[in-house]
Amino acid sequence: LSFKPMVFTIDSLPPTGNRHCMQAYNQITPEERASILHYISSLSPVINFETSKIPKTDYIKQKEQEIIRQYEGEISGYIAGLQQTQEKRSVKLKKIEETEKEITNIRSRLKTLKEEMDDKNSSDLVVVGAWYFSKTSSLKWGSEKRFRILVPFQNVTVTKWDNGNCTWQEFREIKTNDGTSTVVTGNLVEQLDEFYAIVTIEAKKRDKYSIQIRELQVKIESLEKQAEKLNNHLDRIVANTKKSEKEVQLLRSYIAQKRKLIEDINSNWMTLEEAYQRHLEIYKLNATL
C-alpha cells in the first residue's frame, strides 16, 4: 500500500452462501493474516494498537472455546492436586501436634526427674541410722544399756545427746575394712531416775541415695535421647509442611491465572494487540491438532 488507509476490516467473514467469497476467504493464509495485523501495529499513533477494540469473529470465539476447555482441564488438574496436597498437609499438621505434645510430656518428665536428682545429689545431711533410749521406772538404778548401730556408709557424721542423767562409758565409731560401712557401739549407765539418750548417724544425700541417683541418670539420658529424636523428626515434618504450603500457594496461583485468562477470553471484544496474540495462539493450536 502506498498510503495508510483510515479503516481496516480484519478477518471479516464472507457473506453467507457466497461460494466465490468463501473460496477467496479460505485462500487467505495465516501468514497473510499475520502480515495484515503486523502492518496495523505499525500505524500507531494513527491507530492505538493497545486500546482500540474490535469485535471477535465467530471463528475466533469457537477457537477460544477450545482454549477455554483446555484451561478448564488444567484447572481441574490443579484442583485435584491442591486437594491432595491439602489432605497430606492436614495429616502432617496433625502429626506435628501429636509430636509436639509428646515432646512436651517428655520435657515435663525430665523436669521432674532433674528436680529429684538435684534434691538427692546434694551435700545436705540426712539421718541414716539412730538409736534412742529412755529410762523407765522398771529399770534398776545404775543399770547399763548397750547399743550397736550399723550403716552402709563410711563418710558419716555421728552425734550423741543425753539429758545429763547418765554416763557414756564407751562410745566408738568403727569403719569396716571393706570400705562400705560404719559401726557405732557403746554403752551408758544411768545415774538418776530419769534419763534420755539418743545417737544419730547422718550422711550426705548423694551417698544415701547413690543407687537412686544412678537410676535417675539412666532415665534422664534415655528421655533426652527420645526428646532429641522427636525434635529431629519434628523438624523434618515442619520442613515438609512448609514445602506443602508453598505447593498449595503455587497451585492456587496457577488456578487464579487460568481463571483470569478464561475471564479475559470470554469477552466479545478484544484489542488489536489481543487480536494479534490470539491469532498466533490459534495458529499454534491448529498446528498441534
Protein backbone atom coordinates (compact mmCIF):
# COMPACT_ATOMS: atom_id res chain seq x y z
CA LEU A 1 0.00 0.00 0.00
CA SER A 2 1.22 3.46 -0.88
CA PHE A 3 -0.83 5.17 1.84
CA LYS A 4 -2.27 4.44 5.25
CA PRO A 5 -5.98 3.71 4.93
CA MET A 6 -8.17 5.01 7.77
CA VAL A 7 -10.37 1.92 8.01
CA PHE A 8 -9.45 -1.75 8.08
CA THR A 9 -11.63 -4.85 8.04
CA ILE A 10 -9.83 -7.65 9.84
CA ASP A 11 -10.77 -11.31 9.44
CA SER A 12 -14.18 -10.34 8.11
CA LEU A 13 -16.39 -13.30 7.33
CA PRO A 14 -17.64 -13.56 3.75
CA PRO A 15 -21.38 -13.21 3.04
CA THR A 16 -23.28 -16.41 3.82
CA GLY A 17 -23.92 -18.56 0.80
CA ASN A 18 -21.48 -16.75 -1.46
CA ARG A 19 -19.37 -19.61 -2.74
CA HIS A 20 -16.81 -17.44 -4.51
CA CYS A 21 -16.25 -15.28 -1.44
CA MET A 22 -15.87 -18.37 0.72
CA GLN A 23 -13.24 -19.75 -1.61
CA ALA A 24 -11.37 -16.45 -1.56
CA TYR A 25 -11.63 -16.28 2.23
CA ASN A 26 -10.26 -19.80 2.67
CA GLN A 27 -7.34 -18.99 0.37
CA ILE A 28 -6.03 -16.36 2.79
CA THR A 29 -3.14 -17.97 4.64
CA PRO A 30 -2.31 -17.45 8.31
CA GLU A 31 0.86 -15.71 7.19
CA GLU A 32 -1.14 -13.19 5.20
CA ARG A 33 -3.45 -12.52 8.12
CA ALA A 34 -0.44 -12.11 10.39
CA SER A 35 1.09 -9.66 7.92
CA ILE A 36 -2.05 -7.53 7.96
CA LEU A 37 -2.14 -7.49 11.76
CA HIS A 38 1.59 -6.77 11.88
CA TYR A 39 1.14 -3.86 9.50
CA ILE A 40 -1.63 -2.42 11.62
CA SER A 41 0.73 -2.46 14.59
CA SER A 42 2.98 -0.01 12.71
CA LEU A 43 0.18 2.54 12.29
CA SER A 44 0.43 3.90 15.82
CA PRO A 45 -0.40 6.62 16.79
CA VAL A 46 -2.89 6.88 13.93
CA ILE A 47 -4.47 3.70 15.33
CA ASN A 48 -3.99 2.97 19.07
CA PHE A 49 -2.87 -0.62 18.83
CA GLU A 50 -3.21 -1.32 22.57
CA THR A 51 -6.65 0.18 23.28
CA SER A 52 -8.62 0.06 20.06
CA LYS A 53 -11.33 -2.59 20.35
CA ILE A 54 -12.70 -4.85 17.63
CA PRO A 55 -15.45 -7.48 17.86
CA LYS A 56 -14.42 -11.10 17.81
CA THR A 57 -15.45 -13.24 14.88
CA ASP A 58 -17.41 -16.45 15.38
CA TYR A 59 -14.36 -18.39 14.26
CA ILE A 60 -12.21 -16.80 16.96
CA LYS A 61 -14.93 -17.40 19.56
CA GLN A 62 -15.12 -21.04 18.51
CA LYS A 63 -11.33 -21.46 18.78
CA GLU A 64 -11.30 -19.62 22.05
CA GLN A 65 -13.81 -22.11 23.48
CA GLU A 66 -11.28 -24.81 22.69
CA ILE A 67 -8.65 -22.82 24.58
CA ILE A 68 -11.09 -22.34 27.47
CA ARG A 69 -11.77 -26.09 27.62
CA GLN A 70 -8.03 -26.66 27.71
CA TYR A 71 -7.64 -24.17 30.57
CA GLU A 72 -10.57 -25.71 32.46
CA GLY A 73 -8.94 -29.13 32.13
CA GLU A 74 -5.73 -27.68 33.56
CA ILE A 75 -7.71 -26.06 36.39
CA SER A 76 -9.35 -29.41 37.21
CA GLY A 77 -5.91 -30.99 37.42
CA TYR A 78 -4.65 -28.18 39.66
CA ILE A 79 -7.70 -28.51 41.93
CA ALA A 80 -7.17 -32.27 42.25
CA GLY A 81 -3.51 -31.67 43.09
CA LEU A 82 -4.50 -28.93 45.53
CA GLN A 83 -6.94 -31.22 47.35
CA GLN A 84 -4.38 -34.00 47.55
CA THR A 85 -1.70 -31.62 48.83
CA GLN A 86 -4.06 -30.12 51.41
CA GLU A 87 -5.02 -33.59 52.65
CA LYS A 88 -1.35 -34.51 53.06
CA ARG A 89 -0.72 -31.15 54.75
CA SER A 90 -3.61 -31.79 57.16
CA VAL A 91 -2.10 -35.16 58.10
CA LYS A 92 1.29 -33.52 58.64
CA LEU A 93 -0.20 -30.76 60.81
CA LYS A 94 -1.90 -33.39 62.98
CA LYS A 95 1.39 -35.28 63.24
CA ILE A 96 3.13 -32.04 64.26
CA GLU A 97 0.56 -31.50 67.01
CA GLU A 98 0.96 -35.07 68.29
CA THR A 99 4.77 -34.88 68.20
CA GLU A 100 4.85 -31.52 69.99
CA LYS A 101 2.54 -32.92 72.67
CA GLU A 102 4.79 -35.96 73.11
CA ILE A 103 7.87 -33.72 73.37
CA THR A 104 6.10 -31.56 75.97
CA ASN A 105 5.28 -34.65 78.05
CA ILE A 106 8.89 -35.83 77.90
CA ARG A 107 10.15 -32.38 78.91
CA SER A 108 7.77 -32.39 81.88
CA ARG A 109 9.05 -35.80 82.95
CA LEU A 110 12.64 -34.64 82.51
CA LYS A 111 11.99 -31.57 84.64
CA THR A 112 10.55 -33.73 87.43
CA LEU A 113 13.43 -36.22 87.28
CA LYS A 114 16.08 -33.47 87.26
CA GLU A 115 14.46 -31.77 90.24
CA GLU A 116 14.53 -35.10 92.07
CA MET A 117 18.16 -35.56 91.01
CA ASP A 118 19.12 -32.10 92.31
CA ASP A 119 17.46 -32.85 95.63
CA LYS A 120 19.18 -36.22 96.10
CA ASN A 121 22.57 -35.32 94.63
CA SER A 122 23.46 -32.74 97.29
CA SER A 123 25.73 -32.33 100.34
CA ASP A 124 22.81 -31.90 102.71
CA LEU A 125 22.92 -34.28 105.66
CA VAL A 126 20.18 -36.81 106.24
CA VAL A 127 19.71 -39.35 109.05
CA VAL A 128 20.80 -42.84 108.00
CA GLY A 129 20.79 -44.52 111.43
CA ALA A 130 19.72 -43.82 115.02
CA TRP A 131 19.42 -45.34 118.48
CA TYR A 132 17.14 -43.95 121.17
CA PHE A 133 16.70 -44.86 124.81
CA SER A 134 14.55 -43.53 127.64
CA LYS A 135 14.72 -44.82 131.23
CA THR A 136 11.58 -46.44 132.64
CA SER A 137 10.68 -46.93 136.31
CA SER A 138 11.10 -50.69 135.95
CA LEU A 139 14.85 -50.40 135.39
CA LYS A 140 17.16 -50.77 138.40
CA TRP A 141 19.28 -47.76 139.32
CA GLY A 142 22.79 -48.00 137.93
CA SER A 143 21.81 -50.42 135.17
CA GLU A 144 23.80 -50.44 131.93
CA LYS A 145 22.46 -50.03 128.40
CA ARG A 146 24.49 -51.08 125.35
CA PHE A 147 23.89 -50.15 121.71
CA ARG A 148 25.26 -51.00 118.27
CA ILE A 149 24.35 -49.23 115.02
CA LEU A 150 25.47 -50.38 111.55
CA VAL A 151 25.03 -48.15 108.48
CA PRO A 152 26.23 -48.87 104.91
CA PHE A 153 28.21 -45.63 104.62
CA GLN A 154 31.67 -44.52 105.75
CA ASN A 155 31.51 -40.77 105.22
CA VAL A 156 29.17 -40.10 108.16
CA THR A 157 28.64 -37.65 110.98
CA VAL A 158 27.86 -39.22 114.39
CA THR A 159 26.30 -37.24 117.25
CA LYS A 160 25.11 -38.25 120.73
CA TRP A 161 22.84 -36.45 123.15
CA ASP A 162 21.50 -37.08 126.67
CA ASN A 163 19.70 -35.11 129.33
CA GLY A 164 22.72 -35.21 131.67
CA ASN A 165 21.49 -38.01 133.92
CA CYS A 166 23.71 -40.78 132.52
CA THR A 167 27.34 -41.61 131.86
CA TRP A 168 28.72 -42.69 128.46
CA GLN A 169 31.25 -45.33 129.45
CA GLU A 170 32.07 -46.35 125.89
CA PHE A 171 31.43 -44.74 122.50
CA ARG A 172 33.23 -45.92 119.38
CA GLU A 173 32.93 -45.24 115.66
CA ILE A 174 34.44 -48.03 113.55
CA LYS A 175 34.95 -48.13 109.77
CA THR A 176 34.67 -51.60 108.27
CA ASN A 177 37.64 -52.97 106.36
CA ASP A 178 35.69 -53.38 103.10
CA GLY A 179 35.16 -49.60 102.99
CA THR A 180 31.42 -49.79 102.79
CA SER A 181 30.04 -49.42 106.35
CA THR A 182 30.35 -47.77 109.72
CA VAL A 183 29.60 -49.33 113.13
CA VAL A 184 28.87 -47.20 116.17
CA THR A 185 28.93 -49.05 119.52
CA GLY A 186 28.93 -48.10 123.17
CA ASN A 187 27.18 -48.27 126.48
CA LEU A 188 25.91 -45.90 129.10
CA VAL A 189 24.94 -46.14 132.80
CA GLU A 190 22.12 -44.24 134.40
CA GLN A 191 22.92 -42.00 137.33
CA LEU A 192 19.50 -40.57 138.18
CA ASP A 193 15.98 -41.86 137.94
CA GLU A 194 15.06 -40.19 134.63
CA PHE A 195 17.37 -40.01 131.68
CA TYR A 196 17.13 -39.90 127.94
CA ALA A 197 19.78 -40.58 125.31
CA ILE A 198 19.93 -40.64 121.54
CA VAL A 199 22.62 -41.44 118.97
CA THR A 200 22.16 -40.30 115.34
CA ILE A 201 24.24 -41.03 112.27
CA GLU A 202 23.98 -38.69 109.27
CA ALA A 203 25.35 -38.96 105.74
CA LYS A 204 25.23 -36.77 102.66
CA LYS A 205 22.17 -37.22 100.49
CA ARG A 206 24.27 -38.14 97.44
CA ASP A 207 25.77 -41.01 99.48
CA LYS A 208 22.46 -42.26 100.88
CA TYR A 209 20.69 -42.06 97.51
CA SER A 210 23.61 -43.12 95.28
CA ILE A 211 21.69 -46.06 93.80
CA GLN A 212 18.60 -43.93 93.11
CA ILE A 213 20.82 -41.24 91.56
CA ARG A 214 22.32 -43.73 89.10
CA GLU A 215 18.82 -44.93 88.19
CA LEU A 216 17.70 -41.33 87.67
CA GLN A 217 20.71 -40.65 85.43
CA VAL A 218 19.79 -43.62 83.24
CA LYS A 219 16.17 -42.44 82.96
CA ILE A 220 17.20 -38.85 82.18
CA GLU A 221 19.66 -39.92 79.46
CA SER A 222 17.02 -42.18 77.89
CA LEU A 223 14.39 -39.42 77.87
CA GLU A 224 16.86 -36.86 76.48
CA LYS A 225 17.63 -39.21 73.59
CA GLN A 226 13.91 -39.67 72.96
CA ALA A 227 13.40 -35.88 73.02
CA GLU A 228 16.30 -35.33 70.59
CA LYS A 229 14.94 -37.98 68.22
CA LEU A 230 11.44 -36.47 68.33
CA ASN A 231 12.82 -32.95 67.77
CA ASN A 232 14.69 -34.11 64.67
CA HIS A 233 11.53 -35.86 63.46
CA LEU A 234 9.52 -32.70 64.14
CA ASP A 235 11.99 -30.57 62.16
CA ARG A 236 11.59 -32.87 59.15
CA ILE A 237 7.78 -32.76 59.36
CA VAL A 238 7.78 -28.94 59.66
CA ALA A 239 10.11 -28.66 56.66
CA ASN A 240 7.84 -30.93 54.60
CA THR A 241 4.79 -28.96 55.75
CA LYS A 242 6.38 -25.68 54.63
CA LYS A 243 7.09 -27.31 51.28
CA SER A 244 3.42 -28.35 51.08
CA GLU A 245 2.36 -24.78 51.91
CA LYS A 246 4.46 -23.49 49.01
CA GLU A 247 2.88 -26.11 46.73
CA VAL A 248 -0.60 -25.00 47.86
CA GLN A 249 0.22 -21.35 47.19
CA LEU A 250 1.69 -22.21 43.79
CA LEU A 251 -1.34 -24.29 42.78
CA ARG A 252 -3.72 -21.55 43.88
CA SER A 253 -1.68 -19.06 41.87
CA TYR A 254 -1.93 -21.29 38.76
CA ILE A 255 -5.69 -21.66 39.22
CA ALA A 256 -6.13 -17.89 39.61
CA GLN A 257 -4.06 -17.23 36.49
CA LYS A 258 -6.08 -19.67 34.39
CA ARG A 259 -9.39 -18.29 35.65
CA LYS A 260 -8.24 -14.77 34.77
CA LEU A 261 -7.32 -15.95 31.27
CA ILE A 262 -10.75 -17.55 30.87
CA GLU A 263 -12.39 -14.35 32.11
CA ASP A 264 -10.47 -12.29 29.58
CA ILE A 265 -11.15 -14.72 26.73
CA ASN A 266 -14.92 -14.74 27.38
CA SER A 267 -15.21 -11.10 26.32
CA ASN A 268 -16.86 -10.39 22.91
CA TRP A 269 -14.30 -7.68 22.21
CA MET A 270 -10.55 -7.55 22.01
CA THR A 271 -7.82 -5.04 21.32
CA LEU A 272 -5.69 -5.18 18.20
CA GLU A 273 -2.82 -6.40 20.35
CA GLU A 274 -5.02 -9.22 21.68
CA ALA A 275 -6.19 -10.00 18.15
CA TYR A 276 -2.62 -10.42 17.03
CA GLN A 277 -1.72 -12.59 20.01
CA ARG A 278 -4.93 -14.61 19.68
CA HIS A 279 -4.15 -15.25 16.05
CA LEU A 280 -0.75 -16.66 16.98
CA GLU A 281 -2.29 -18.86 19.72
CA ILE A 282 -4.98 -20.25 17.40
CA TYR A 283 -2.41 -20.85 14.70
CA LYS A 284 -0.23 -22.82 17.15
CA LEU A 285 -3.30 -24.68 18.44
CA ASN A 286 -4.27 -25.71 14.90
CA ALA A 287 -0.73 -26.85 14.24
CA THR A 288 -0.90 -29.29 17.17
CA LEU A 289 -4.30 -30.76 16.23
